[in-house]
Amino acid sequence: MNHKTPKNSQGFTLIEMMVAVSIFLKRLCLISS
């Protein structure tokens, strides 16, 4: 269960990218407002 397969790592990276982008956009909105 501890093995990290390329498919799983890519999936997690995609999710992390989406979360990071959403948080980044929220911060921009707070700063601009």
PDB file of N, CA and C in Angstrom:
ATOM      1  N   MET A   1       0.836  -1.209   0.000  1.00  0.00           N
ATOM      2  CA  MET A   1       0.000   0.000   0.000  1.00  0.00           C
ATOM      3  C   MET A   1       0.872   1.261   0.000  1.00  0.00           C
ATOM      4  N   ASN A   2       2.136   1.127   0.382  1.00  0.00           N
ATOM      5  CA  ASN A   2       3.024   2.289   0.444  1.00  0.00           C
ATOM      6  C   ASN A   2       3.662   2.593  -0.908  1.00  0.00           C
ATOM      7  N   HIS A   3       3.481   1.670  -1.888  1.00  0.00           N
ATOM      8  CA  HIS A   3       4.093   1.894  -3.200  1.00  0.00           C
ATOM      9  C   HIS A   3       3.376   3.023  -3.934  1.00  0.00           C
ATOM     10  N   LYS A   4       4.158   3.937  -4.506  1.00  0.00           N
ATOM     11  CA  LYS A   4       3.553   5.048  -5.237  1.00  0.00           C
ATOM     12  C   LYS A   4       3.695   4.797  -6.734  1.00  0.00           C
ATOM     13  N   THR A   5       2.599   4.500  -7.406  1.00  0.00           N
ATOM     14  CA  THR A   5       2.638   4.250  -8.845  1.00  0.00           C
ATOM     15  C   THR A   5       2.534   5.563  -9.597  1.00  0.00           C
ATOM     16  N   PRO A   6       3.111   5.646 -10.806  1.00  0.00           N
ATOM     17  CA  PRO A   6       3.067   6.880 -11.594  1.00  0.00           C
ATOM     18  C   PRO A   6       1.641   7.393 -11.773  1.00  0.00           C
ATOM     19  N   LYS A   7       0.680   6.475 -11.998  1.00  0.00           N
ATOM     20  CA  LYS A   7      -0.708   6.894 -12.216  1.00  0.00           C
ATOM     21  C   LYS A   7      -1.245   7.583 -10.963  1.00  0.00           C
ATOM     22  N   ASN A   8      -1.005   6.979  -9.804  1.00  0.00           N
ATOM     23  CA  ASN A   8      -1.521   7.567  -8.563  1.00  0.00           C
ATOM     24  C   ASN A   8      -0.868   8.922  -8.306  1.00  0.00           C
ATOM     25  N   SER A   9       0.451   9.012  -8.524  1.00  0.00           N
ATOM     26  CA  SER A   9       1.154  10.272  -8.261  1.00  0.00           C
ATOM     27  C   SER A   9       0.625  11.366  -9.184  1.00  0.00           C
ATOM     28  N   GLN A  10       0.363  11.008 -10.445  1.00  0.00           N
ATOM     29  CA  GLN A  10      -0.169  12.007 -11.381  1.00  0.00           C
ATOM     30  C   GLN A  10      -1.551  12.466 -10.937  1.00  0.00           C
ATOM     31  N   GLY A  11      -2.359  11.510 -10.470  1.00  0.00           N
ATOM     32  CA  GLY A  11      -3.707  11.852 -10.021  1.00  0.00           C
ATOM     33  C   GLY A  11      -3.651  12.819  -8.857  1.00  0.00           C
ATOM     34  N   PHE A  12      -2.773  12.521  -7.898  1.00  0.00           N
ATOM     35  CA  PHE A  12      -2.668  13.394  -6.726  1.00  0.00           C
ATOM     36  C   PHE A  12      -2.154  14.766  -7.137  1.00  0.00           C
ATOM     37  N   THR A  13      -1.199  14.810  -8.063  1.00  0.00           N
ATOM     38  CA  THR A  13      -0.649  16.092  -8.487  1.00  0.00           C
ATOM     39  C   THR A  13      -1.731  16.933  -9.161  1.00  0.00           C
ATOM     40  N   LEU A  14      -2.596  16.286  -9.953  1.00  0.00           N
ATOM     41  CA  LEU A  14      -3.670  17.020 -10.617  1.00  0.00           C
ATOM     42  C   LEU A  14      -4.613  17.609  -9.581  1.00  0.00           C
ATOM     43  N   ILE A  15      -4.949  16.816  -8.559  1.00  0.00           N
ATOM     44  CA  ILE A  15      -5.849  17.296  -7.510  1.00  0.00           C
ATOM     45  C   ILE A  15      -5.184  18.439  -6.749  1.00  0.00           C
ATOM     46  N   GLU A  16      -3.893  18.261  -6.436  1.00  0.00           N
ATOM     47  CA  GLU A  16      -3.177  19.306  -5.690  1.00  0.00           C
ATOM     48  C   GLU A  16      -3.112  20.582  -6.512  1.00  0.00           C
ATOM     49  N   MET A  17      -2.911  20.453  -7.836  1.00  0.00           N
ATOM     50  CA  MET A  17      -2.854  21.636  -8.703  1.00  0.00           C
ATOM     51  C   MET A  17      -4.191  22.371  -8.672  1.00  0.00           C
ATOM     52  N   MET A  18      -5.294  21.629  -8.758  1.00  0.00           N
ATOM     53  CA  MET A  18      -6.624  22.248  -8.741  1.00  0.00           C
ATOM     54  C   MET A  18      -6.856  22.972  -7.423  1.00  0.00           C
ATOM     55  N   VAL A  19      -6.479  22.325  -6.322  1.00  0.00           N
ATOM     56  CA  VAL A  19      -6.660  22.933  -5.005  1.00  0.00           C
ATOM     57  C   VAL A  19      -5.785  24.178  -4.876  1.00  0.00           C
ATOM     58  N   ALA A  20      -4.542  24.066  -5.320  1.00  0.00           N
ATOM     59  CA  ALA A  20      -3.621  25.202  -5.221  1.00  0.00           C
ATOM     60  C   ALA A  20      -4.136  26.377  -6.050  1.00  0.00           C
ATOM     61  N   VAL A  21      -4.642  26.101  -7.241  1.00  0.00           N
ATOM     62  CA  VAL A  21      -5.168  27.164  -8.107  1.00  0.00           C
ATOM     63  C   VAL A  21      -6.376  27.830  -7.463  1.00  0.00           C
ATOM     64  N   SER A  22      -7.274  27.016  -6.889  1.00  0.00           N
ATOM     65  CA  SER A  22      -8.479  27.572  -6.259  1.00  0.00           C
ATOM     66  C   SER A  22      -8.098  28.475  -5.095  1.00  0.00           C
ATOM     67  N   ILE A  23      -7.140  28.017  -4.273  1.00  0.00           N
ATOM     68  CA  ILE A  23      -6.700  28.819  -3.124  1.00  0.00           C
ATOM     69  C   ILE A  23      -6.022  30.097  -3.619  1.00  0.00           C
ATOM     70  N   PHE A  24      -5.209  29.974  -4.676  1.00  0.00           N
ATOM     71  CA  PHE A  24      -4.505  31.134  -5.219  1.00  0.00           C
ATOM     72  C   PHE A  24      -5.504  32.175  -5.720  1.00  0.00           C
ATOM     73  N   LEU A  25      -6.541  31.702  -6.433  1.00  0.00           N
ATOM     74  CA  LEU A  25      -7.554  32.626  -6.953  1.00  0.00           C
ATOM     75  C   LEU A  25      -8.292  33.304  -5.803  1.00  0.00           C
ATOM     76  N   LYS A  26      -8.591  32.545  -4.755  1.00  0.00           N
ATOM     77  CA  LYS A  26      -9.296  33.122  -3.608  1.00  0.00           C
ATOM     78  C   LYS A  26      -8.440  34.212  -2.960  1.00  0.00           C
ATOM     79  N   ARG A  27      -7.133  33.966  -2.868  1.00  0.00           N
ATOM     80  CA  ARG A  27      -6.243  34.968  -2.266  1.00  0.00           C
ATOM     81  C   ARG A  27      -6.210  36.219  -3.123  1.00  0.00           C
ATOM     82  N   LEU A  28      -6.180  36.032  -4.451  1.00  0.00           N
ATOM     83  CA  LEU A  28      -6.161  37.185  -5.352  1.00  0.00           C
ATOM     84  C   LEU A  28      -7.437  38.002  -5.176  1.00  0.00           C
ATOM     85  N   CYS A  29      -8.564  37.310  -5.041  1.00  0.00           N
ATOM     86  CA  CYS A  29      -9.849  38.016  -4.866  1.00  0.00           C
ATOM     87  C   CYS A  29      -9.824  38.811  -3.563  1.00  0.00           C
ATOM     88  N   LEU A  30      -9.283  38.208  -2.498  1.00  0.00           N
ATOM     89  CA  LEU A  30      -9.247  38.900  -1.207  1.00  0.00           C
ATOM     90  C   LEU A  30      -8.334  40.116  -1.283  1.00  0.00           C
ATOM     91  N   ILE A  31      -7.204  39.982  -1.994  1.00  0.00           N
ATOM     92  CA  ILE A  31      -6.254  41.090  -2.093  1.00  0.00           C
ATOM     93  C   ILE A  31      -6.842  42.215  -2.957  1.00  0.00           C
ATOM     94  N   SER A  32      -7.481  41.839  -4.059  1.00  0.00           N
ATOM     95  CA  SER A  32      -8.009  42.842  -4.986  1.00  0.00           C
ATOM     96  C   SER A  32      -9.216  43.565  -4.394  1.00  0.00           C
ATOM     97  N   SER A  33      -9.998  42.865  -3.578  1.00  0.00           N
ATOM     98  CA  SER A  33     -11.216  43.476  -3.025  1.00  0.00           C
ATOM     99  C   SER A  33     -10.884  44.510  -1.966  1.00  0.00           C
TER     100      SER A  33
END
